[in-house]
C-alpha atoms as a PDB file:
ATOM      1  CA  MET A   1     -21.926  96.119 -66.216  1.00  0.00           C
ATOM      2  CA  ARG A   2     -24.360  94.923 -63.565  1.00  0.00           C
ATOM      3  CA  ASP A   3     -25.503  97.447 -60.985  1.00  0.00           C
ATOM      4  CA  LEU A   4     -26.299  95.003 -58.124  1.00  0.00           C
ATOM      5  CA  PRO A   5     -28.673  97.096 -55.990  1.00  0.00           C
ATOM      6  CA  PHE A   6     -28.622  96.836 -52.198  1.00  0.00           C
ATOM      7  CA  PRO A   7     -30.380  98.586 -49.272  1.00  0.00           C
ATOM      8  CA  TYR A   8     -28.914 102.089 -48.973  1.00  0.00           C
ATOM      9  CA  VAL A   9     -25.862 103.100 -46.977  1.00  0.00           C
ATOM     10  CA  THR A  10     -25.744 106.798 -46.040  1.00  0.00           C
ATOM     11  CA  VAL A  11     -22.377 108.564 -46.103  1.00  0.00           C
ATOM     12  CA  LEU A  12     -21.166 112.135 -45.842  1.00  0.00           C
ATOM     13  CA  THR A  13     -20.080 113.801 -49.076  1.00  0.00           C
ATOM     14  CA  GLY A  14     -17.210 116.240 -49.478  1.00  0.00           C
ATOM     15  CA  VAL A  15     -19.603 119.169 -48.980  1.00  0.00           C
ATOM     16  CA  PRO A  16     -20.107 119.971 -45.270  1.00  0.00           C
ATOM     17  CA  GLY A  17     -23.504 118.811 -44.066  1.00  0.00           C
ATOM     18  CA  ASN A  18     -24.382 116.939 -47.264  1.00  0.00           C
ATOM     19  CA  LYS A  19     -25.008 113.233 -47.307  1.00  0.00           C
ATOM     20  CA  ARG A  20     -25.637 110.630 -49.975  1.00  0.00           C
ATOM     21  CA  ASN A  21     -27.385 107.268 -50.068  1.00  0.00           C
ATOM     22  CA  ILE A  22     -25.293 104.657 -51.868  1.00  0.00           C
ATOM     23  CA  CYS A  23     -27.682 102.027 -53.252  1.00  0.00           C
ATOM     24  CA  SER A  24     -25.678  99.543 -55.337  1.00  0.00           C
ATOM     25  CA  VAL A  25     -22.340  97.803 -55.692  1.00  0.00           C
ATOM     26  CA  ALA A  26     -21.604  99.765 -58.869  1.00  0.00           C
ATOM     27  CA  GLU A  27     -22.274 103.066 -57.101  1.00  0.00           C
ATOM     28  CA  ALA A  28     -20.183 101.988 -54.103  1.00  0.00           C
ATOM     29  CA  ALA A  29     -17.298 101.039 -56.412  1.00  0.00           C
ATOM     30  CA  GLU A  30     -17.468 104.441 -58.103  1.00  0.00           C
ATOM     31  CA  TRP A  31     -17.461 106.268 -54.762  1.00  0.00           C
ATOM     32  CA  LEU A  32     -14.549 104.232 -53.446  1.00  0.00           C
ATOM     33  CA  VAL A  33     -12.441 105.293 -56.436  1.00  0.00           C
ATOM     34  CA  MET A  34     -13.675 108.760 -57.355  1.00  0.00           C
ATOM     35  CA  TYR A  35     -14.926 110.456 -54.184  1.00  0.00           C
ATOM     36  CA  TRP A  36     -13.376 108.713 -51.198  1.00  0.00           C
ATOM     37  CA  PRO A  37     -11.906 111.186 -48.674  1.00  0.00           C
ATOM     38  CA  ILE A  38      -8.868 109.047 -47.798  1.00  0.00           C
ATOM     39  CA  LYS A  39      -6.415 107.517 -50.259  1.00  0.00           C
ATOM     40  CA  GLU A  40      -5.166 104.642 -48.112  1.00  0.00           C
ATOM     41  CA  GLY A  41      -6.653 102.271 -45.597  1.00  0.00           C
ATOM     42  CA  LYS A  42      -7.038  98.570 -44.977  1.00  0.00           C
ATOM     43  CA  LYS A  43     -10.845  98.687 -45.137  1.00  0.00           C
ATOM     44  CA  LEU A  44     -10.730 100.855 -48.273  1.00  0.00           C
ATOM     45  CA  ILE A  45      -8.600  98.274 -50.076  1.00  0.00           C
ATOM     46  CA  GLU A  46     -10.871  95.453 -48.895  1.00  0.00           C
ATOM     47  CA  ALA A  47     -14.015  97.308 -49.999  1.00  0.00           C
ATOM     48  CA  ARG A  48     -12.626  98.042 -53.465  1.00  0.00           C
ATOM     49  CA  GLN A  49     -11.760  94.377 -53.904  1.00  0.00           C
ATOM     50  CA  ALA A  50     -15.151  93.262 -52.568  1.00  0.00           C
ATOM     51  CA  CYS A  51     -16.938  95.503 -55.079  1.00  0.00           C
ATOM     52  CA  ARG A  52     -14.828  94.139 -57.944  1.00  0.00           C
ATOM     53  CA  ASP A  53     -15.528  90.589 -56.761  1.00  0.00           C
ATOM     54  CA  ALA A  54     -19.279  91.206 -56.474  1.00  0.00           C
ATOM     55  CA  LEU A  55     -19.455  92.782 -59.931  1.00  0.00           C
ATOM     56  CA  ALA A  56     -17.610  89.740 -61.300  1.00  0.00           C
ATOM     57  CA  GLY A  57     -20.031  87.384 -59.544  1.00  0.00           C
ATOM     58  CA  ARG A  58     -17.488  85.933 -57.108  1.00  0.00           C
ATOM     59  CA  ILE A  59     -19.174  87.200 -53.908  1.00  0.00           C
ATOM     60  CA  THR A  60     -22.629  88.453 -52.962  1.00  0.00           C
ATOM     61  CA  CYS A  61     -23.616  92.101 -53.054  1.00  0.00           C
ATOM     62  CA  THR A  62     -24.362  91.795 -49.318  1.00  0.00           C
ATOM     63  CA  LYS A  63     -20.686  91.058 -48.624  1.00  0.00           C
ATOM     64  CA  ALA A  64     -19.614  93.997 -50.795  1.00  0.00           C
ATOM     65  CA  ARG A  65     -22.098  96.247 -48.964  1.00  0.00           C
ATOM     66  CA  SER A  66     -20.699  95.163 -45.585  1.00  0.00           C
ATOM     67  CA  ALA A  67     -17.163  95.919 -46.774  1.00  0.00           C
ATOM     68  CA  PHE A  68     -18.324  99.345 -48.001  1.00  0.00           C
ATOM     69  CA  ILE A  69     -19.853 100.102 -44.587  1.00  0.00           C
ATOM     70  CA  GLU A  70     -16.594  99.179 -42.850  1.00  0.00           C
ATOM     71  CA  ALA A  71     -14.603 101.388 -45.235  1.00  0.00           C
ATOM     72  CA  ALA A  72     -16.997 104.287 -44.587  1.00  0.00           C
ATOM     73  CA  ARG A  73     -16.470 103.835 -40.848  1.00  0.00           C
ATOM     74  CA  GLU A  74     -12.707 103.792 -41.384  1.00  0.00           C
ATOM     75  CA  ALA A  75     -12.943 107.055 -43.369  1.00  0.00           C
ATOM     76  CA  ASP A  76     -15.246 108.576 -40.735  1.00  0.00           C
ATOM     77  CA  ILE A  77     -17.990 109.321 -43.284  1.00  0.00           C
ATOM     78  CA  TYR A  78     -20.486 106.635 -42.230  1.00  0.00           C
ATOM     79  CA  ILE A  79     -23.888 107.910 -41.080  1.00  0.00           C
ATOM     80  CA  ASP A  80     -26.357 105.015 -41.212  1.00  0.00           C
ATOM     81  CA  HIS A  81     -27.666 102.145 -43.302  1.00  0.00           C
ATOM     82  CA  LYS A  82     -30.997 100.568 -44.035  1.00  0.00           C
ATOM     83  CA  ARG A  83     -31.325  97.402 -42.004  1.00  0.00           C
ATOM     84  CA  LEU A  84     -31.468  94.140 -43.930  1.00  0.00           C
END
């Protein structure tokens, strides 16, 4: 599977005060499934699909990254991101 690196997006982890830089579509996809703090949400669904589409080559990793940022905002775990 392709990793598809992108400029980092910083999110809060499940441990209070800890944060993590997500640096690729593959890592974002894993987080959206395995570690996401909410189980439902419009932006969550869109981000999961965007990651699948990017990994399949149907959309750019930049679009998947943007969808991930929006999902992180929806889940209230977004901290910051490296500017493009």
